[in-house]
C-alpha atoms as a PDB file:
ATOM      1  CA  MET A   1      68.666 -72.017   0.070  1.00  0.00           C
ATOM      2  CA  ALA A   2      65.550 -69.915   0.480  1.00  0.00           C
ATOM      3  CA  GLY A   3      65.765 -67.213   3.083  1.00  0.00           C
ATOM      4  CA  ILE A   4      69.550 -66.937   2.802  1.00  0.00           C
ATOM      5  CA  VAL A   5      71.288 -63.903   1.376  1.00  0.00           C
ATOM      6  CA  VAL A   6      74.821 -64.914   0.350  1.00  0.00           C
ATOM      7  CA  THR A   7      77.369 -62.185   0.993  1.00  0.00           C
ATOM      8  CA  ASN A   8      80.691 -63.959   0.377  1.00  0.00           C
ATOM      9  CA  THR A   9      81.364 -67.281  -1.341  1.00  0.00           C
ATOM     10  CA  GLY A  10      85.049 -67.325  -0.359  1.00  0.00           C
ATOM     11  CA  VAL A  11      87.600 -69.784  -1.696  1.00  0.00           C
ATOM     12  CA  ASN A  12      85.811 -73.028  -0.801  1.00  0.00           C
ATOM     13  CA  SER A  13      82.629 -73.566  -2.814  1.00  0.00           C
ATOM     14  CA  SER A  14      81.298 -76.028  -0.223  1.00  0.00           C
ATOM     15  CA  TYR A  15      80.807 -73.215   2.294  1.00  0.00           C
ATOM     16  CA  VAL A  16      78.969 -69.960   1.763  1.00  0.00           C
ATOM     17  CA  TYR A  17      78.780 -67.048   4.173  1.00  0.00           C
ATOM     18  CA  GLY A  18      75.380 -65.458   4.294  1.00  0.00           C
ATOM     19  CA  ASN A  19      72.550 -63.958   6.295  1.00  0.00           C
ATOM     20  CA  ASP A  20      69.987 -66.493   7.566  1.00  0.00           C
ATOM     21  CA  THR A  21      66.787 -64.464   7.402  1.00  0.00           C
ATOM     22  CA  THR A  22      64.373 -67.362   8.049  1.00  0.00           C
ATOM     23  CA  GLY A  23      66.116 -69.160  10.914  1.00  0.00           C
ATOM     24  CA  GLY A  24      67.057 -65.992  12.762  1.00  0.00           C
ATOM     25  CA  TRP A  25      70.739 -66.981  13.117  1.00  0.00           C
ATOM     26  CA  GLY A  26      72.017 -63.881  11.312  1.00  0.00           C
ATOM     27  CA  LEU A  27      75.372 -63.913   9.542  1.00  0.00           C
ATOM     28  CA  ARG A  28      76.893 -67.405   9.520  1.00  0.00           C
ATOM     29  CA  SER A  29      78.484 -70.046   7.308  1.00  0.00           C
ATOM     30  CA  PHE A  30      76.362 -72.580   5.486  1.00  0.00           C
ATOM     31  CA  PHE A  31      77.604 -75.950   4.279  1.00  0.00           C
ATOM     32  CA  THR A  32      76.004 -76.549   0.909  1.00  0.00           C
ATOM     33  CA  PHE A  33      75.384 -80.289   1.044  1.00  0.00           C
ATOM     34  CA  TYR A  34      72.616 -80.177  -1.511  1.00  0.00           C
ATOM     35  CA  SER A  35      74.201 -77.999  -4.171  1.00  0.00           C
ATOM     36  CA  GLN A  36      76.435 -80.761  -5.536  1.00  0.00           C
ATOM     37  CA  PHE A  37      73.795 -83.469  -5.913  1.00  0.00           C
ATOM     38  CA  GLY A  38      72.237 -84.603  -9.123  1.00  0.00           C
ATOM     39  CA  SER A  39      70.609 -87.596 -10.725  1.00  0.00           C
ATOM     40  CA  GLY A  40      73.814 -88.928 -12.326  1.00  0.00           C
ATOM     41  CA  ARG A  41      76.007 -88.957  -9.213  1.00  0.00           C
ATOM     42  CA  THR A  42      75.462 -92.476  -7.876  1.00  0.00           C
ATOM     43  CA  VAL A  43      78.903 -93.816  -8.829  1.00  0.00           C
ATOM     44  CA  ALA A  44      80.690 -90.636  -7.778  1.00  0.00           C
ATOM     45  CA  ALA A  45      78.769 -90.548  -4.490  1.00  0.00           C
ATOM     46  CA  GLY A  46      79.641 -94.199  -3.813  1.00  0.00           C
ATOM     47  CA  VAL A  47      83.342 -93.559  -4.427  1.00  0.00           C
ATOM     48  CA  GLU A  48      83.225 -90.428  -2.280  1.00  0.00           C
ATOM     49  CA  VAL A  49      81.501 -92.261   0.588  1.00  0.00           C
ATOM     50  CA  GLY A  50      84.033 -95.105   0.343  1.00  0.00           C
ATOM     51  CA  ILE A  51      86.948 -92.675   0.600  1.00  0.00           C
ATOM     52  CA  LEU A  52      85.281 -90.839   3.488  1.00  0.00           C
ATOM     53  CA  MET A  53      84.745 -94.077   5.416  1.00  0.00           C
ATOM     54  CA  LEU A  54      88.353 -95.207   4.834  1.00  0.00           C
ATOM     55  CA  THR A  55      89.493 -91.823   6.111  1.00  0.00           C
ATOM     56  CA  PHE A  56      87.232 -92.163   9.154  1.00  0.00           C
ATOM     57  CA  LEU A  57      88.504 -95.658   9.998  1.00  0.00           C
ATOM     58  CA  ALA A  58      92.152 -94.663   9.541  1.00  0.00           C
ATOM     59  CA  SER A  59      91.652 -91.568  11.688  1.00  0.00           C
ATOM     60  CA  VAL A  60      89.960 -93.473  14.510  1.00  0.00           C
ATOM     61  CA  ALA A  61      92.623 -96.200  14.457  1.00  0.00           C
ATOM     62  CA  ALA A  62      95.578 -93.802  14.332  1.00  0.00           C
ATOM     63  CA  ASN A  63      94.247 -91.354  16.915  1.00  0.00           C
ATOM     64  CA  GLY A  64      93.142 -94.185  19.192  1.00  0.00           C
ATOM     65  CA  SER A  65      96.621 -95.730  18.977  1.00  0.00           C
ATOM     66  CA  ILE A  66      98.273 -92.425  19.862  1.00  0.00           C
ATOM     67  CA  ALA A  67      95.925 -91.917  22.804  1.00  0.00           C
ATOM     68  CA  ALA A  68      96.415 -95.479  24.045  1.00  0.00           C
ATOM     69  CA  ALA A  69     100.210 -95.262  23.864  1.00  0.00           C
ATOM     70  CA  VAL A  70     100.443 -91.906  25.633  1.00  0.00           C
ATOM     71  CA  LEU A  71      97.883 -92.741  28.317  1.00  0.00           C
ATOM     72  CA  ARG A  72      98.995 -96.326  28.981  1.00  0.00           C
ATOM     73  CA  TYR A  73     102.762 -95.917  29.336  1.00  0.00           C
ATOM     74  CA  ARG A  74     103.954 -93.466  31.977  1.00  0.00           C
ATOM     75  CA  GLU A  75     107.283 -92.855  30.195  1.00  0.00           C
ATOM     76  CA  MET A  76     105.356 -91.593  27.152  1.00  0.00           C
ATOM     77  CA  ARG A  77     103.773 -88.751  29.140  1.00  0.00           C
ATOM     78  CA  THR A  78     106.116 -85.986  28.084  1.00  0.00           C
ATOM     79  CA  VAL A  79     105.113 -82.437  27.228  1.00  0.00           C
ATOM     80  CA  THR A  80     105.610 -83.087  23.522  1.00  0.00           C
ATOM     81  CA  ASN A  81     103.492 -86.233  23.602  1.00  0.00           C
ATOM     82  CA  CYS A  82     100.756 -84.391  25.489  1.00  0.00           C
ATOM     83  CA  PHE A  83     100.676 -81.886  22.637  1.00  0.00           C
ATOM     84  CA  LEU A  84     100.428 -84.806  20.205  1.00  0.00           C
ATOM     85  CA  LEU A  85      97.603 -86.256  22.316  1.00  0.00           C
ATOM     86  CA  ASN A  86      95.794 -82.921  22.114  1.00  0.00           C
ATOM     87  CA  LEU A  87      96.254 -82.897  18.332  1.00  0.00           C
ATOM     88  CA  ALA A  88      94.944 -86.476  18.127  1.00  0.00           C
ATOM     89  CA  ALA A  89      91.889 -85.511  20.187  1.00  0.00           C
ATOM     90  CA  ALA A  90      91.173 -82.537  17.912  1.00  0.00           C
ATOM     91  CA  ASP A  91      91.529 -84.748  14.833  1.00  0.00           C
ATOM     92  CA  PHE A  92      89.198 -87.295  16.419  1.00  0.00           C
ATOM     93  CA  VAL A  93      86.537 -84.609  16.972  1.00  0.00           C
ATOM     94  CA  PHE A  94      86.890 -83.624  13.324  1.00  0.00           C
ATOM     95  CA  ALA A  95      86.619 -87.282  12.258  1.00  0.00           C
ATOM     96  CA  LEU A  96      83.375 -87.743  14.204  1.00  0.00           C
ATOM     97  CA  GLY A  97      81.628 -85.607  11.585  1.00  0.00           C
ATOM     98  CA  ILE A  98      82.753 -87.767   8.654  1.00  0.00           C
ATOM     99  CA  PRO A  99      79.990 -90.413   8.958  1.00  0.00           C
ATOM    100  CA  ALA A 100      77.331 -87.669   8.996  1.00  0.00           C
ATOM    101  CA  VAL A 101      78.754 -86.105   5.843  1.00  0.00           C
ATOM    102  CA  ALA A 102      79.084 -89.526   4.180  1.00  0.00           C
ATOM    103  CA  ALA A 103      75.481 -90.440   4.991  1.00  0.00           C
ATOM    104  CA  THR A 104      74.280 -87.131   3.605  1.00  0.00           C
ATOM    105  CA  ARG A 105      76.274 -87.550   0.417  1.00  0.00           C
ATOM    106  CA  LEU A 106      74.807 -91.049  -0.048  1.00  0.00           C
ATOM    107  CA  THR A 107      71.145 -90.419   0.862  1.00  0.00           C
ATOM    108  CA  GLN A 108      71.028 -86.797  -0.368  1.00  0.00           C
ATOM    109  CA  GLU A 109      69.158 -85.646   2.739  1.00  0.00           C
ATOM    110  CA  TRP A 110      70.109 -84.503   6.224  1.00  0.00           C
ATOM    111  CA  ALA A 111      68.623 -86.805   8.854  1.00  0.00           C
ATOM    112  CA  LEU A 112      70.340 -85.495  11.995  1.00  0.00           C
ATOM    113  CA  GLY A 113      68.173 -82.457  12.621  1.00  0.00           C
ATOM    114  CA  ASP A 114      68.634 -78.720  12.552  1.00  0.00           C
ATOM    115  CA  VAL A 115      70.916 -78.448  15.595  1.00  0.00           C
ATOM    116  CA  ALA A 116      73.447 -80.978  14.278  1.00  0.00           C
ATOM    117  CA  CYS A 117      73.350 -79.259  10.898  1.00  0.00           C
ATOM    118  CA  ARG A 118      74.329 -75.963  12.514  1.00  0.00           C
ATOM    119  CA  ILE A 119      76.971 -77.449  14.852  1.00  0.00           C
ATOM    120  CA  LEU A 120      78.835 -79.694  12.372  1.00  0.00           C
ATOM    121  CA  PRO A 121      80.701 -76.942  10.468  1.00  0.00           C
ATOM    122  CA  TYR A 122      82.216 -75.644  13.732  1.00  0.00           C
ATOM    123  CA  SER A 123      84.038 -78.953  14.251  1.00  0.00           C
ATOM    124  CA  GLN A 124      85.363 -78.823  10.698  1.00  0.00           C
ATOM    125  CA  VAL A 125      86.604 -75.246  10.376  1.00  0.00           C
ATOM    126  CA  SER A 126      90.070 -75.156   8.863  1.00  0.00           C
ATOM    127  CA  LYS A 127      90.353 -71.371   8.671  1.00  0.00           C
ATOM    128  CA  PRO A 128      88.611 -68.903  11.017  1.00  0.00           C
ATOM    129  CA  GLN A 129      86.115 -66.550   9.378  1.00  0.00           C
ATOM    130  CA  SER A 130      87.899 -63.520  10.826  1.00  0.00           C
ATOM    131  CA  LEU A 131      90.980 -64.275   8.705  1.00  0.00           C
ATOM    132  CA  LEU A 132      89.103 -64.418   5.411  1.00  0.00           C
ATOM    133  CA  PRO A 133      89.698 -61.490   3.092  1.00  0.00           C
END
C-alpha cells in the first residue's frame, strides 16, 4: 500500500484507516484485499469463495422473496412489513458486493476499476467511522 499512511488499524484487520497521499482522497478507509493472499491459499480461497457465493445466493433468494411477498399482496403492506422491505433492500445492496469480493479473493486482483474499489466499502460498512474509538 504505497502512498498510504496508516493512522488507525481498528478492530477489523481487513480495513485500515489511513491517509491516501497518492490518490488525493485524504483520510479514508482501505479494504486490504491483497494483504491476506499468499501462494498456499488455493484451498482456503476456494472454500471462502464457495461460502461467499452460498451467502450471496441465499441473500438474493430470501430478500427477493420478502420483496415479492410485500409488493405483490396488498394485505402485506403494513408499516412493519415496509420496514422489513427496507431492511431487505439494504441487505440486497450489501449482497451485491459479495461477487466482487469473491472474484478478488479467487483471482487475487481487482478487475472492477478504481471507482468501484473506492465505492464498495461504503455499501459494506457495519460501524460508522465516527463511532470508532
